[in-house]
């Protein structure tokens, strides 16, 4: 039995908590800070996931064996190194990469250079700073729109602009690099070629040498029907992805996953955990749009329900460097998640609105995201409020059940997209 501390408070962490708690290997289980849903699976701790000293104290007090950081922030800030460099903590298994490994997500420039070194297919790019602003403008003017402008560092999912013309591109570039739109995250900016295709997310779990593949997924970022409007953290997801057949996934493995895992090892970068490959299919070929150093959200809410292996057992195999001994089991069922959000999201939104109808939901998992307990009520506490995940013999049937249950949950200002998976109807 292993005592576990999971860091995070979103739908991703709720799905991971649901999965971890099912394991006979799971001992005492804590989530920090958690939400109204994670309380069903363990004990919430009132701790910020960026409070390393507070996390240390909790790990010692509760005799934690496994620390599982859900979000990217603590990983990019170096929580793995913090634990491994502390005599009181270094015995604890940390599910995630070193600070250097987390730079795959923490720095667009780092990840682009890494891909170039290992011949991993990605969009052509150049990086610029305030000092090279004029050269950046000249580069934009030589480029063919659309043009992708990316803040180098973490910008809460808002640091990417796909500019439709030169004027818009220069404006976005100036806002980021000269006006410090995203603070330190946009001190450096990557300008890259626009790739036209269809996106998907692929997830590997690695011990630094071996890896296993989890089910792939596709998420839907735009707030509006038909993929219109502002970008969000994700309005829904499906798994499996119909176009990701055997031939395509072999290309993904040979051209992207293997060179990434082997490249990290060859460069001596410590990486024990999840690698999220944000991919785009251009023609019949895969390209990397981005890496993440943790699971995605809301993709986790469809990937984890389709993973039939014991997640705690996988973590223990990872810590022993024995993932090569694992046979991954994926459900043959499709999974689909629909995200309920607050009115105003992804802009300003209200909090504290009472939620009802949970007792009417049948045949779906409810993975809480922006919720909290207030006296005896569950109330909204974020932009993305609740992920409703269902299984089905196919994506359409899974979605149908999620939409049916989405109607049962009530709170003022509820909104959800009713066209998740629209390309595959």
Protein backbone atom coordinates (compact mmCIF):
# COMPACT_ATOMS: atom_id res chain seq x y z
CA UNK A 1 0.00 0.00 0.00
CA UNK A 2 1.39 3.37 -1.04
CA UNK A 3 0.36 6.71 0.44
CA UNK A 4 -0.18 9.19 -2.40
CA UNK A 5 -0.35 12.98 -2.70
CA UNK A 6 -1.84 14.29 -5.94
CA UNK A 7 -1.32 17.97 -6.73
CA UNK A 8 -3.98 19.99 -8.57
CA UNK A 9 -7.61 21.02 -8.56
CA UNK A 10 -8.98 20.54 -12.09
CA UNK A 11 -10.90 17.99 -14.09
CA UNK A 12 -7.62 16.28 -14.99
CA UNK A 13 -6.80 15.74 -11.33
CA UNK A 14 -10.33 14.55 -10.55
CA UNK A 15 -10.04 11.88 -13.26
CA UNK A 16 -6.59 10.85 -12.02
CA UNK A 17 -7.88 10.73 -8.43
CA UNK A 18 -10.77 8.50 -9.53
CA UNK A 19 -8.31 6.13 -11.20
CA UNK A 20 -5.69 6.06 -8.43
CA UNK A 21 -8.29 5.43 -5.74
CA UNK A 22 -9.43 2.24 -7.50
CA UNK A 23 -6.03 0.58 -7.06
CA UNK A 24 -5.61 -1.98 -4.27
CA UNK A 25 -2.09 -0.54 -3.98
CA UNK A 26 -3.45 2.90 -3.02
CA UNK A 27 -3.12 3.56 0.71
CA UNK A 28 -3.97 6.89 2.30
CA UNK A 29 -4.74 9.34 -0.49
CA UNK A 30 -4.56 13.14 -0.46
CA UNK A 31 -5.27 15.80 -3.08
CA UNK A 32 -3.91 19.35 -2.78
CA UNK A 33 -5.90 21.50 -3.05
CA UNK A 34 -8.50 19.35 -4.85
CA UNK A 35 -12.12 20.30 -5.49
CA UNK A 36 -15.65 19.20 -4.56
CA UNK A 37 -15.29 16.04 -6.67
CA UNK A 38 -11.90 14.84 -5.47
CA UNK A 39 -13.31 14.61 -1.93
CA UNK A 40 -15.05 11.41 -3.04
CA UNK A 41 -11.69 9.69 -3.63
CA UNK A 42 -9.40 11.01 -0.90
CA UNK A 43 -8.76 13.85 1.52
CA UNK A 44 -8.35 17.39 0.19
CA UNK A 45 -5.51 19.42 1.71
CA UNK A 46 -5.67 23.24 1.68
CA UNK A 47 -2.29 23.59 -0.02
CA UNK A 48 -1.17 25.39 -3.15
CA UNK A 49 0.52 23.04 -5.62
CA UNK A 50 3.30 25.61 -5.93
CA UNK A 51 3.98 25.71 -2.16
CA UNK A 52 6.97 23.36 -2.12
CA UNK A 53 7.71 23.82 1.58
CA UNK A 54 4.07 23.15 2.47
CA UNK A 55 4.09 20.08 0.25
CA UNK A 56 7.28 18.86 1.93
CA UNK A 57 5.69 19.23 5.37
CA UNK A 58 2.58 17.30 4.24
CA UNK A 59 4.68 14.52 2.69
CA UNK A 60 6.59 14.02 5.91
CA UNK A 61 3.52 14.28 8.13
CA UNK A 62 1.44 11.81 6.09
CA UNK A 63 4.33 9.49 5.17
CA UNK A 64 3.78 9.97 1.43
CA UNK A 65 5.31 7.40 -0.93
CA UNK A 66 4.19 8.86 -4.29
CA UNK A 67 3.89 12.52 -5.29
CA UNK A 68 1.87 13.05 -8.48
CA UNK A 69 1.96 16.65 -9.80
CA UNK A 70 -1.05 17.13 -12.09
CA UNK A 71 -0.40 20.62 -13.56
CA UNK A 72 2.71 21.84 -15.35
CA UNK A 73 3.57 24.74 -13.00
CA UNK A 74 5.23 22.75 -10.18
CA UNK A 75 7.08 20.58 -12.70
CA UNK A 76 8.46 23.54 -14.65
CA UNK A 77 9.37 25.17 -11.31
CA UNK A 78 11.44 22.09 -10.43
CA UNK A 79 9.48 20.07 -7.88
CA UNK A 80 11.21 16.86 -9.02
CA UNK A 81 14.65 18.37 -8.29
CA UNK A 82 13.38 19.84 -5.00
CA UNK A 83 12.41 16.36 -3.82
CA UNK A 84 15.48 14.52 -5.13
CA UNK A 85 17.85 17.07 -3.56
CA UNK A 86 16.25 16.84 -0.11
CA UNK A 87 17.39 13.96 2.13
CA UNK A 88 13.97 13.87 3.80
CA UNK A 89 12.12 13.55 0.47
CA UNK A 90 14.36 11.80 -2.03
CA UNK A 91 12.83 8.35 -1.32
CA UNK A 92 9.45 9.60 -2.58
CA UNK A 93 8.49 8.65 -6.14
CA UNK A 94 7.75 11.82 -8.14
CA UNK A 95 5.59 11.27 -11.22
CA UNK A 96 7.12 13.84 -13.54
CA UNK A 97 10.32 15.03 -15.17
CA UNK A 98 13.24 17.02 -13.80
CA UNK A 99 13.18 20.79 -14.18
CA UNK A 100 15.32 20.44 -17.31
CA UNK A 101 12.97 17.83 -18.77
CA UNK A 102 9.95 20.02 -18.01
CA UNK A 103 11.48 22.66 -20.29
CA UNK A 104 9.94 20.70 -23.15
CA UNK A 105 6.79 22.53 -22.07
CA UNK A 106 8.27 25.42 -20.14
CA UNK A 107 10.18 26.87 -23.11
CA UNK A 108 9.01 26.78 -26.73
CA UNK A 109 12.53 27.68 -27.83
CA UNK A 110 14.02 24.78 -25.82
CA UNK A 111 11.57 22.29 -27.32
CA UNK A 112 12.13 23.57 -30.88
CA UNK A 113 15.90 23.24 -30.52
CA UNK A 114 15.46 19.77 -29.04
CA UNK A 115 13.32 18.72 -32.02
CA UNK A 116 15.87 20.14 -34.45
CA UNK A 117 18.69 18.21 -32.77
CA UNK A 118 16.78 14.94 -33.05
CA UNK A 119 15.19 15.46 -36.48
CA UNK A 120 11.66 15.42 -35.08
CA UNK A 121 9.16 16.88 -37.59
CA UNK A 122 7.77 20.28 -36.57
CA UNK A 123 6.96 23.65 -38.13
CA UNK A 124 9.83 25.88 -39.32
CA UNK A 125 10.50 28.67 -36.82
CA UNK A 126 12.73 31.48 -35.54
CA UNK A 127 12.98 32.95 -32.04
CA UNK A 128 13.25 36.64 -31.18
CA UNK A 129 13.59 38.95 -28.17
CA UNK A 130 13.09 42.69 -27.63
CA UNK A 131 16.68 43.22 -28.78
CA UNK A 132 15.93 41.53 -32.11
CA UNK A 133 12.47 43.06 -32.54
CA UNK A 134 13.18 44.67 -35.93
CA UNK A 135 14.56 41.42 -37.29
CA UNK A 136 11.43 39.69 -36.03
CA UNK A 137 9.22 42.18 -37.88
CA UNK A 138 11.26 41.63 -41.05
CA UNK A 139 10.87 37.86 -40.63
CA UNK A 140 7.10 38.24 -40.27
CA UNK A 141 6.93 40.37 -43.42
CA UNK A 142 8.72 37.63 -45.37
CA UNK A 143 6.35 34.96 -44.04
CA UNK A 144 3.19 33.60 -45.61
CA UNK A 145 0.07 34.09 -43.44
CA UNK A 146 -1.37 32.61 -41.32
CA UNK A 147 1.59 33.13 -38.95
CA UNK A 148 1.89 31.56 -35.51
CA UNK A 149 3.23 33.76 -32.68
CA UNK A 150 4.08 31.97 -29.40
CA UNK A 151 5.28 33.25 -26.05
CA UNK A 152 8.28 31.14 -25.09
CA UNK A 153 7.22 30.40 -21.52
CA UNK A 154 4.06 29.32 -19.69
CA UNK A 155 1.17 31.71 -20.30
CA UNK A 156 -1.80 29.74 -18.94
CA UNK A 157 -2.70 28.48 -22.41
CA UNK A 158 -3.10 32.04 -23.75
CA UNK A 159 0.35 32.61 -25.22
CA UNK A 160 -0.36 31.56 -28.81
CA UNK A 161 -1.79 33.76 -31.58
CA UNK A 162 -2.56 32.51 -35.09
CA UNK A 163 -2.42 35.76 -37.06
CA UNK A 164 -4.32 35.85 -40.34
CA UNK A 165 -2.28 38.67 -41.87
CA UNK A 166 1.01 40.53 -41.48
CA UNK A 167 -0.50 43.48 -39.57
CA UNK A 168 -2.11 41.21 -36.96
CA UNK A 169 1.12 39.21 -36.62
CA UNK A 170 3.26 42.30 -36.02
CA UNK A 171 0.72 43.60 -33.49
CA UNK A 172 0.74 40.30 -31.56
CA UNK A 173 4.55 40.10 -31.71
CA UNK A 174 4.90 43.67 -30.40
CA UNK A 175 2.39 43.04 -27.58
CA UNK A 176 4.29 39.97 -26.42
CA UNK A 177 7.93 40.91 -26.75
CA UNK A 178 7.90 44.72 -26.38
CA UNK A 179 4.91 45.25 -24.10
CA UNK A 180 5.60 42.11 -22.01
CA UNK A 181 2.00 40.93 -22.46
CA UNK A 182 2.78 37.70 -20.60
CA UNK A 183 5.57 39.01 -18.37
CA UNK A 184 8.70 36.87 -18.35
CA UNK A 185 6.92 34.23 -20.45
CA UNK A 186 7.09 36.52 -23.50
CA UNK A 187 10.60 37.90 -23.07
CA UNK A 188 11.38 35.48 -25.87
CA UNK A 189 8.92 34.78 -28.69
CA UNK A 190 8.84 31.97 -31.24
CA UNK A 191 7.44 32.78 -34.68
CA UNK A 192 6.61 29.69 -36.68
CA UNK A 193 5.09 28.39 -39.88
CA UNK A 194 1.37 27.61 -39.79
CA UNK A 195 0.62 23.94 -40.39
CA UNK A 196 -2.76 23.17 -41.94
CA UNK A 197 -4.23 19.88 -40.77
CA UNK A 198 -6.16 18.13 -38.02
CA UNK A 199 -4.86 17.91 -34.47
CA UNK A 200 -4.67 15.11 -31.92
CA UNK A 201 -3.01 14.40 -28.59
CA UNK A 202 -0.81 11.38 -27.92
CA UNK A 203 0.46 10.41 -24.46
CA UNK A 204 3.52 8.39 -23.50
CA UNK A 205 4.47 7.32 -19.99
CA UNK A 206 8.22 6.79 -19.66
CA UNK A 207 10.77 5.63 -17.10
CA UNK A 208 13.52 7.42 -19.02
CA UNK A 209 14.38 4.42 -21.19
CA UNK A 210 11.17 2.50 -21.84
CA UNK A 211 7.71 3.87 -22.49
CA UNK A 212 4.10 2.84 -22.91
CA UNK A 213 1.42 4.58 -24.96
CA UNK A 214 -1.89 5.57 -23.44
CA UNK A 215 -5.02 5.98 -25.59
CA UNK A 216 -4.87 8.95 -27.96
CA UNK A 217 -7.42 11.76 -27.82
CA UNK A 218 -8.66 14.87 -29.59
CA UNK A 219 -9.77 17.97 -27.71
CA UNK A 220 -11.79 21.02 -28.74
CA UNK A 221 -10.34 24.36 -27.70
CA UNK A 222 -12.66 27.03 -29.12
CA UNK A 223 -15.55 28.31 -27.05
CA UNK A 224 -18.06 28.35 -29.92
CA UNK A 225 -19.83 25.77 -32.06
CA UNK A 226 -17.92 24.86 -35.22
CA UNK A 227 -14.59 25.68 -33.56
CA UNK A 228 -15.29 29.42 -33.50
CA UNK A 229 -14.56 32.13 -30.97
CA UNK A 230 -11.86 32.42 -28.33
CA UNK A 231 -9.50 29.67 -27.28
CA UNK A 232 -10.24 27.97 -23.95
CA UNK A 233 -8.55 25.35 -21.82
CA UNK A 234 -10.71 22.80 -23.65
CA UNK A 235 -14.45 22.34 -24.15
CA UNK A 236 -14.49 18.58 -24.61
CA UNK A 237 -12.58 15.59 -25.92
CA UNK A 238 -12.98 12.22 -27.61
CA UNK A 239 -10.99 8.97 -27.63
CA UNK A 240 -10.10 7.05 -29.76
CA UNK A 241 -9.37 9.38 -32.70
CA UNK A 242 -10.86 7.90 -35.90
CA UNK A 243 -8.02 8.94 -38.24
CA UNK A 244 -5.24 7.70 -35.95
CA UNK A 245 -5.04 4.22 -37.44
CA UNK A 246 -2.20 1.72 -37.27
CA UNK A 247 -0.25 3.14 -40.22
CA UNK A 248 -0.43 6.73 -38.96
CA UNK A 249 0.45 5.77 -35.38
CA UNK A 250 3.49 3.83 -36.64
CA UNK A 251 4.73 7.10 -38.19
CA UNK A 252 4.07 8.87 -34.87
CA UNK A 253 6.06 6.22 -33.00
CA UNK A 254 8.98 6.01 -35.41
CA UNK A 255 9.35 9.71 -36.23
CA UNK A 256 8.31 11.40 -32.98
CA UNK A 257 7.95 9.25 -29.86
CA UNK A 258 11.08 7.12 -30.15
CA UNK A 259 13.35 10.05 -31.14
CA UNK A 260 11.94 12.06 -28.20
CA UNK A 261 12.45 9.37 -25.54
CA UNK A 262 15.85 8.37 -26.97
CA UNK A 263 16.85 12.04 -27.32
CA UNK A 264 16.07 12.81 -23.68
CA UNK A 265 18.12 9.81 -22.57
CA UNK A 266 21.03 10.61 -24.90
CA UNK A 267 21.20 14.16 -23.53
CA UNK A 268 21.13 12.95 -19.93
CA UNK A 269 17.82 14.68 -19.20
CA UNK A 270 15.99 12.98 -16.31
CA UNK A 271 12.43 12.27 -17.41
CA UNK A 272 10.16 9.93 -15.43
CA UNK A 273 6.51 10.60 -16.20
CA UNK A 274 4.14 11.67 -18.94
CA UNK A 275 5.08 13.18 -22.28
CA UNK A 276 2.14 14.86 -24.01
CA UNK A 277 2.63 15.14 -27.76
CA UNK A 278 0.41 17.83 -29.29
CA UNK A 279 0.39 16.67 -32.91
CA UNK A 280 -1.09 17.74 -36.22
CA UNK A 281 -1.75 15.46 -39.17
CA UNK A 282 -0.73 17.24 -42.38
CA UNK A 283 -1.65 15.08 -45.34
CA UNK A 284 -0.78 11.68 -43.94
CA UNK A 285 2.21 12.81 -41.89
CA UNK A 286 2.46 13.77 -38.19
CA UNK A 287 4.18 16.95 -36.95
CA UNK A 288 4.73 18.16 -33.39
CA UNK A 289 2.93 21.39 -32.47
CA UNK A 290 3.98 21.28 -28.83
CA UNK A 291 5.14 19.11 -25.96
CA UNK A 292 3.60 19.13 -22.50
CA UNK A 293 5.29 17.58 -19.46
CA UNK A 294 2.03 16.26 -17.94
CA UNK A 295 -1.34 14.91 -19.03
CA UNK A 296 -3.72 17.20 -20.91
CA UNK A 297 -7.05 18.58 -19.78
CA UNK A 298 -9.76 17.67 -20.85
CA UNK A 299 -8.01 14.79 -22.68
CA UNK A 300 -7.23 13.06 -19.35
CA UNK A 301 -10.97 12.78 -18.76
CA UNK A 302 -11.29 10.43 -21.78
CA UNK A 303 -7.83 8.82 -21.78
CA UNK A 304 -7.75 7.68 -18.13
CA UNK A 305 -11.23 6.04 -18.29
CA UNK A 306 -10.06 4.01 -21.32
CA UNK A 307 -6.85 2.86 -19.59
CA UNK A 308 -7.56 -0.52 -18.01
CA UNK A 309 -4.20 -0.99 -16.23
CA UNK A 310 -3.75 -0.21 -12.53
CA UNK A 311 -2.26 3.30 -12.53
CA UNK A 312 -0.43 2.86 -9.21
CA UNK A 313 1.16 -0.32 -10.53
CA UNK A 314 2.31 1.57 -13.64
CA UNK A 315 3.88 4.26 -11.45
CA UNK A 316 5.77 1.64 -9.44
CA UNK A 317 7.02 -0.01 -12.64
CA UNK A 318 8.15 3.41 -13.87
CA UNK A 319 10.08 4.02 -10.67
CA UNK A 320 11.86 0.67 -11.10
CA UNK A 321 12.70 1.34 -14.76
CA UNK A 322 10.60 -1.65 -15.77
CA UNK A 323 7.88 -0.26 -18.03
CA UNK A 324 9.16 -2.70 -20.67
CA UNK A 325 7.50 -5.42 -18.58
CA UNK A 326 4.06 -3.81 -18.91
CA UNK A 327 1.37 -4.73 -21.42
CA UNK A 328 -0.99 -1.79 -21.84
CA UNK A 329 -4.70 -2.54 -21.88
CA UNK A 330 -7.07 -0.04 -23.53
CA UNK A 331 -10.84 -0.34 -23.44
CA UNK A 332 -12.50 -1.09 -26.78
CA UNK A 333 -15.20 1.38 -25.82
CA UNK A 334 -15.10 4.97 -27.04
CA UNK A 335 -15.10 7.77 -24.45
CA UNK A 336 -16.34 11.33 -24.84
CA UNK A 337 -16.30 14.24 -22.43
CA UNK A 338 -18.36 17.42 -22.58
CA UNK A 339 -17.21 20.35 -20.44
CA UNK A 340 -19.73 22.54 -18.65
CA UNK A 341 -18.39 26.06 -18.20
CA UNK A 342 -19.38 29.32 -16.53
CA UNK A 343 -20.97 32.17 -18.45
CA UNK A 344 -18.34 34.65 -19.60
CA UNK A 345 -15.61 32.01 -19.86
CA UNK A 346 -12.86 32.25 -21.15
CA UNK A 347 -13.15 35.89 -20.08
CA UNK A 348 -14.32 37.02 -16.65
CA UNK A 349 -16.88 34.73 -15.05
CA UNK A 350 -18.88 34.57 -11.80
CA UNK A 351 -18.19 32.08 -9.01
CA UNK A 352 -20.27 30.64 -6.21
CA UNK A 353 -23.32 29.60 -8.21
CA UNK A 354 -25.19 26.66 -6.67
CA UNK A 355 -25.15 23.42 -8.69
CA UNK A 356 -27.91 20.80 -8.64
CA UNK A 357 -28.98 17.70 -10.55
CA UNK A 358 -26.07 15.41 -9.68
CA UNK A 359 -28.51 12.74 -8.47
CA UNK A 360 -30.19 12.64 -11.90
CA UNK A 361 -27.02 11.70 -13.79
CA UNK A 362 -26.95 8.08 -14.99
CA UNK A 363 -24.21 6.22 -16.82
CA UNK A 364 -21.57 8.98 -16.92
CA UNK A 365 -18.54 9.94 -14.84
CA UNK A 366 -18.63 13.45 -13.39
CA UNK A 367 -15.10 14.82 -13.12
CA UNK A 368 -15.24 18.08 -11.18
CA UNK A 369 -13.03 20.96 -12.37
CA UNK A 370 -14.01 24.41 -11.06
CA UNK A 371 -16.17 23.38 -8.11
CA UNK A 372 -16.03 23.64 -4.33
CA UNK A 373 -18.10 22.64 -1.34
CA UNK A 374 -19.94 25.50 0.35
CA UNK A 375 -21.74 24.32 3.48
CA UNK A 376 -23.88 21.48 2.10
CA UNK A 377 -23.92 22.80 -1.47
CA UNK A 378 -21.59 22.33 -4.41
CA UNK A 379 -20.94 25.67 -6.12
CA UNK A 380 -19.04 26.84 -9.19
CA UNK A 381 -15.46 27.95 -8.56
CA UNK A 382 -13.89 28.29 -11.99
CA UNK A 383 -14.36 28.86 -15.70
CA UNK A 384 -14.46 25.19 -16.59
CA UNK A 385 -16.78 23.66 -14.05
CA UNK A 386 -17.53 20.00 -14.75
CA UNK A 387 -16.42 17.33 -17.24
CA UNK A 388 -19.10 14.79 -18.10
CA UNK A 389 -17.50 11.63 -19.51
CA UNK A 390 -19.37 8.66 -20.99
CA UNK A 391 -18.52 5.41 -22.72
CA UNK A 392 -20.17 4.10 -25.87
CA UNK A 393 -19.73 1.55 -28.63
CA UNK A 394 -18.68 4.51 -30.75
CA UNK A 395 -18.01 8.22 -30.27
CA UNK A 396 -21.51 9.24 -31.29
CA UNK A 397 -23.13 7.01 -28.63
CA UNK A 398 -20.69 8.18 -25.96
CA UNK A 399 -21.41 11.82 -26.80
CA UNK A 400 -25.15 11.24 -26.79
CA UNK A 401 -25.00 10.02 -23.19
CA UNK A 402 -22.77 12.91 -22.08
CA UNK A 403 -25.14 15.45 -23.65
CA UNK A 404 -28.16 13.78 -22.05
CA UNK A 405 -26.55 14.10 -18.62
CA UNK A 406 -25.33 17.64 -19.33
CA UNK A 407 -28.98 18.67 -19.37
CA UNK A 408 -29.50 17.31 -15.84
CA UNK A 409 -26.81 19.45 -14.19
CA UNK A 410 -28.18 22.89 -13.37
CA UNK A 411 -26.55 26.17 -12.37
CA UNK A 412 -27.07 29.75 -13.45
CA UNK A 413 -25.15 30.62 -16.62
CA UNK A 414 -24.34 27.01 -17.64
CA UNK A 415 -22.87 26.66 -21.13
CA UNK A 416 -21.45 23.78 -23.14
CA UNK A 417 -20.65 23.08 -26.78
CA UNK A 418 -23.12 20.71 -28.43
CA UNK A 419 -20.86 19.74 -31.34
CA UNK A 420 -17.89 17.95 -29.78
CA UNK A 421 -16.59 15.41 -32.30
CA UNK A 422 -18.40 17.22 -35.13
CA UNK A 423 -15.84 16.21 -37.81
CA UNK A 424 -16.54 12.53 -37.20
CA UNK A 425 -20.34 12.57 -37.34
